[in-house]
Structure formats: structure tokens, C-alpha cells
Amino acid sequence: MREQGSGAERLEQRKAKRRQEILDVAARLFATQGYDGTTAEAIAAAVHLTKSALYTYVGSKEEIAVLLLESVVNQLIEVSEQIEAEGGSPRHKLWTLIVRHVEVLGNHPASSLLFLHSEHILAPDRYPNLYARRDYYEARIRQWIQDGVDQGQFALENVKLAGFMLLGSINWVIRWYSPRGLLTSQSIGQAYASMLLGGLAHPLASDPEKEHPNE
């Protein structure tokens, strides 16, 4: 019985490894050819499987997209929960999160591009759990911004708008980031944290050129 169990376990491990290979290849195809431009046949061919064999690992192209998006969202939530557990000021939490958010995207550039355009690919009403978890993550960020306002670390009135600005900025990094570039994802995250949190702490009230036109 033990041998049968270990054999079944090895078979399951091989299947899981093969499935992850399919997900990685599909993510790269989605990134280079677009989700709509990538067919299940193309994914199958890229991993040297027939289309019918592909479906023994995944149910559909859409399921692949869901699994890729869930992976990114789950990693981001895990990061935020670790930061929350470690404690610290709202400014410290947000600094750490910005750096690690960019690192997660940088470690999974193909899947992260899919994440950036998720609502154009997977309708929120069809995948409420996926988008509920994304919203949970974004709500935590807004709560930390609000905590920073309450503690006098940030000077702003519209927390929701600040959350959109922060998330929009760090998510867009994946549009131009290259693992082969001069900057690491960590250094980019630190630069963004400095600029974004500096803006939250000392936002300009108006155009300084209009306030002091002769300077």
C-alpha cells in the first residue's frame, strides 16, 4: 500500500509540475500575443501536447487565465498580511508594500500583465471571488492611507483617490519593466515608495507657478 501511495504521489507531483509549465507558457503567450490572440491550440503546441491532452491539465483557456490571476492576487494578499502582522506605522507599512508589490509583479511579469487588464479579459460578475480578493487587498491599502491621515503622517482629504493613484502607479510599472534592465524591481519599488509617499505627506495645494508667477 505504501508503494502504491508513493507512486500515486509521484504521479500527482509530475502532473502538478506539468500543469505549472502550461501556466507559465500560457502567461508568456498572453503577454506577447494578447489573451484574445492566443488559442488553446497554440498553448498546447507550445508545450508539445494535443489540445485534448491539454484539457487533462486545465479545463479551458479561461481557466488558465483565472489560475494565473489568482496566483498574483494571492501573493499580493500574502505580502500585505505579512506586513500587517509585522506592525509598524502606516507609512512604514505602505513603503514596504509598495516595494514588495513591485517585486511580485517583477517576478511574474507575464502574469502581471494579465493582472493589469484582468477586467477586460474576465468579467467580474463571472468570477466574484477573484475580484472580491482583489478588492480586499486594495481596501487594506486604503485603510493604511486612512490610518496615516488619522495619525498625521499624510496630509490629504480624498483617501479613495489617493488609493487609486498609488495602485495605478505601481501596477503600471509592469508595462515597461524589464528583468534585463539596469534597475531591479526592488530599486524601482523603493523609488516609487519615496515619490508616492512623499506626495501623500506633502501634496501641493495648487500650481506653484500660479502662486508665484514672478519667481
Foldseek 3Di string as FASTA:
>chain_A
DVVVVVVVVVVVVVLVVLLVVLLLQLLVCCQPQNLVRDALCNSQVVSVHGSVVNCVNPPGSVRSLVVLLLVLLVVLVVQLVVLVVVDDALLVSLLSSLLVNLVSCQVRLSSLVCNVVVCVPDPCVVPVVSVVSVVVSLVSNLVSLVRCVVVLQFDDDDSVVLSCVLVVVSSCCSVPDDCPDPDDSNNVSNVSSVVSSVCRRDPDPDDVCVVPVPD
